[in-house]
Amino acid sequence: MLEIDVDLSDEKWQVLEKSDWDYDKSVKKVRQLVVNWKNISIEIMRELYIARQKLSAQGRRTDLQLSYKSNKVSWNQYLDDVGLNYHNVRRWLQKYDFDKNELVVDTPSLPKEVEGEDYLPTEHKCPNCGYEY
């Protein structure tokens, strides 16, 4: 078992011990923060999706108004400018439905249940006794 050595005389612990903390108030506060976070997340996904669509078109971009003097902008440059990793954003956008403006929850596909004699066909057999597994 993992043992954690905590010095309760530490100043940080004394501050935590003295502070008034209410479970119900904390739940209410964090719940509101989570709702705000989810809404902001959807806004971010929508903006990233639109930016990707605009910047992924091939060719020289003359239809965009740029705040700096550069004719070459790309999706990768945009992600660098906002401080996001390409692979993370790609994964995020795979889970975003632009038309419904919501995140899509992946449900893992489970194997289909075999009806009947509770027998699953297999190609594996024990070489000694012939037991199928």
Protein backbone atom coordinates (compact mmCIF):
# COMPACT_ATOMS: atom_id res chain seq x y z
CA MET A 1 0.00 0.00 0.00
CA LEU A 2 1.21 3.48 -0.87
CA GLU A 3 1.99 5.64 2.11
CA ILE A 4 2.17 9.38 1.80
CA ASP A 5 4.20 11.29 4.33
CA VAL A 6 2.39 14.57 5.01
CA ASP A 7 3.66 17.14 7.44
CA LEU A 8 0.46 18.57 8.95
CA SER A 9 2.43 21.35 10.59
CA ASP A 10 3.15 22.70 7.12
CA GLU A 11 1.83 26.20 6.55
CA LYS A 12 -0.28 25.14 3.53
CA TRP A 13 -2.15 22.53 5.54
CA GLN A 14 -2.82 25.00 8.35
CA VAL A 15 -4.32 27.46 5.86
CA LEU A 16 -6.54 24.72 4.41
CA GLU A 17 -7.60 23.61 7.85
CA LYS A 18 -8.61 27.14 8.90
CA SER A 19 -10.49 28.00 5.69
CA ASP A 20 -14.26 27.63 5.65
CA TRP A 21 -15.22 25.07 3.04
CA ASP A 22 -18.76 23.96 2.42
CA TYR A 23 -19.45 20.86 0.33
CA ASP A 24 -22.74 22.15 -1.12
CA LYS A 25 -21.23 25.54 -2.00
CA SER A 26 -18.26 23.85 -3.62
CA VAL A 27 -20.46 21.51 -5.68
CA LYS A 28 -22.60 24.43 -6.85
CA LYS A 29 -19.54 26.49 -7.76
CA VAL A 30 -17.74 23.69 -9.60
CA ARG A 31 -20.94 22.61 -11.38
CA GLN A 32 -21.31 26.13 -12.81
CA LEU A 33 -17.64 26.18 -13.80
CA VAL A 34 -18.05 22.83 -15.57
CA VAL A 35 -21.10 24.11 -17.48
CA ASN A 36 -19.15 27.21 -18.51
CA TRP A 37 -16.17 25.05 -19.47
CA LYS A 38 -18.34 22.80 -21.64
CA ASN A 39 -19.89 25.81 -23.38
CA ILE A 40 -16.48 27.33 -24.00
CA SER A 41 -15.26 23.97 -25.29
CA ILE A 42 -18.07 23.88 -27.87
CA GLU A 43 -17.27 27.46 -28.91
CA ILE A 44 -13.61 26.53 -29.31
CA MET A 45 -14.50 23.43 -31.34
CA ARG A 46 -16.75 25.46 -33.64
CA GLU A 47 -14.09 28.13 -34.20
CA LEU A 48 -11.39 25.51 -34.83
CA TYR A 49 -13.65 23.66 -37.27
CA ILE A 50 -14.39 26.84 -39.23
CA ALA A 51 -10.72 27.86 -39.22
CA ARG A 52 -9.69 24.42 -40.49
CA GLN A 53 -12.25 24.56 -43.30
CA LYS A 54 -11.11 28.04 -44.33
CA LEU A 55 -7.39 27.37 -44.09
CA SER A 56 -7.31 23.84 -45.50
CA ALA A 57 -8.28 24.93 -49.01
CA GLN A 58 -5.33 24.66 -51.37
CA GLY A 59 -3.78 27.60 -53.14
CA ARG A 60 -2.89 31.14 -52.24
CA ARG A 61 -5.32 32.68 -49.74
CA THR A 62 -6.52 36.02 -51.10
CA ASP A 63 -9.97 35.82 -49.49
CA LEU A 64 -8.76 36.22 -45.90
CA GLN A 65 -8.11 39.46 -44.10
CA LEU A 66 -4.83 39.10 -42.28
CA SER A 67 -3.63 41.27 -39.43
CA TYR A 68 -0.03 40.96 -40.58
CA LYS A 69 1.68 41.13 -43.95
CA SER A 70 1.78 37.55 -45.07
CA ASN A 71 0.17 35.90 -48.01
CA LYS A 72 0.98 32.41 -46.78
CA VAL A 73 -1.24 31.16 -44.00
CA SER A 74 -2.06 27.56 -43.29
CA TRP A 75 -3.93 25.42 -40.81
CA ASN A 76 -0.65 24.42 -39.17
CA GLN A 77 0.43 28.06 -38.89
CA TYR A 78 -2.93 28.92 -37.32
CA LEU A 79 -2.53 26.17 -34.72
CA ASP A 80 1.00 27.37 -33.94
CA ASP A 81 -0.27 30.94 -33.53
CA VAL A 82 -3.01 29.91 -31.07
CA GLY A 83 -0.69 27.51 -29.25
CA LEU A 84 -2.37 24.18 -29.98
CA ASN A 85 -0.92 20.86 -31.08
CA TYR A 86 -2.01 19.62 -34.52
CA HIS A 87 -2.60 16.02 -33.42
CA ASN A 88 -4.64 17.01 -30.35
CA VAL A 89 -6.87 19.31 -32.39
CA ARG A 90 -7.33 16.64 -35.05
CA ARG A 91 -8.55 14.20 -32.38
CA TRP A 92 -10.84 16.83 -30.85
CA LEU A 93 -12.40 17.70 -34.20
CA GLN A 94 -13.05 14.04 -34.95
CA LYS A 95 -15.40 14.10 -31.96
CA TYR A 96 -17.18 17.32 -32.97
CA ASP A 97 -20.37 17.44 -35.05
CA PHE A 98 -20.48 20.86 -36.72
CA ASP A 99 -24.09 20.55 -37.92
CA LYS A 100 -25.43 19.69 -34.45
CA ASN A 101 -22.84 21.88 -32.67
CA GLU A 102 -22.12 19.16 -30.14
CA LEU A 103 -19.46 16.68 -29.14
CA VAL A 104 -20.06 13.13 -30.34
CA VAL A 105 -19.67 10.45 -27.71
CA ASP A 106 -18.02 7.32 -29.00
CA THR A 107 -19.73 4.16 -27.87
CA PRO A 108 -17.45 1.17 -28.09
CA SER A 109 -18.77 -1.55 -30.33
CA LEU A 110 -19.31 -4.70 -28.32
CA PRO A 111 -19.27 -8.15 -29.88
CA LYS A 112 -22.69 -9.37 -30.93
CA GLU A 113 -24.28 -11.83 -28.59
CA VAL A 114 -24.62 -15.38 -29.89
CA GLU A 115 -28.10 -16.76 -29.39
CA GLY A 116 -28.82 -20.38 -28.80
CA GLU A 117 -26.57 -23.04 -27.37
CA ASP A 118 -24.03 -20.70 -25.69
CA TYR A 119 -21.44 -21.95 -28.13
CA LEU A 120 -19.01 -19.55 -29.73
CA PRO A 121 -17.32 -20.88 -32.84
CA THR A 122 -13.56 -20.94 -32.55
CA GLU A 123 -10.57 -22.06 -34.53
CA HIS A 124 -8.39 -22.77 -31.51
CA LYS A 125 -8.05 -26.29 -30.08
CA CYS A 126 -5.84 -27.79 -27.45
CA PRO A 127 -3.37 -30.06 -29.26
CA ASN A 128 -3.54 -32.66 -26.47
CA CYS A 129 -7.23 -33.01 -25.64
CA GLY A 130 -9.02 -31.17 -28.47
CA TYR A 131 -10.72 -28.68 -26.15
CA GLU A 132 -11.85 -25.66 -28.11
CA TYR A 133 -11.05 -22.27 -26.67
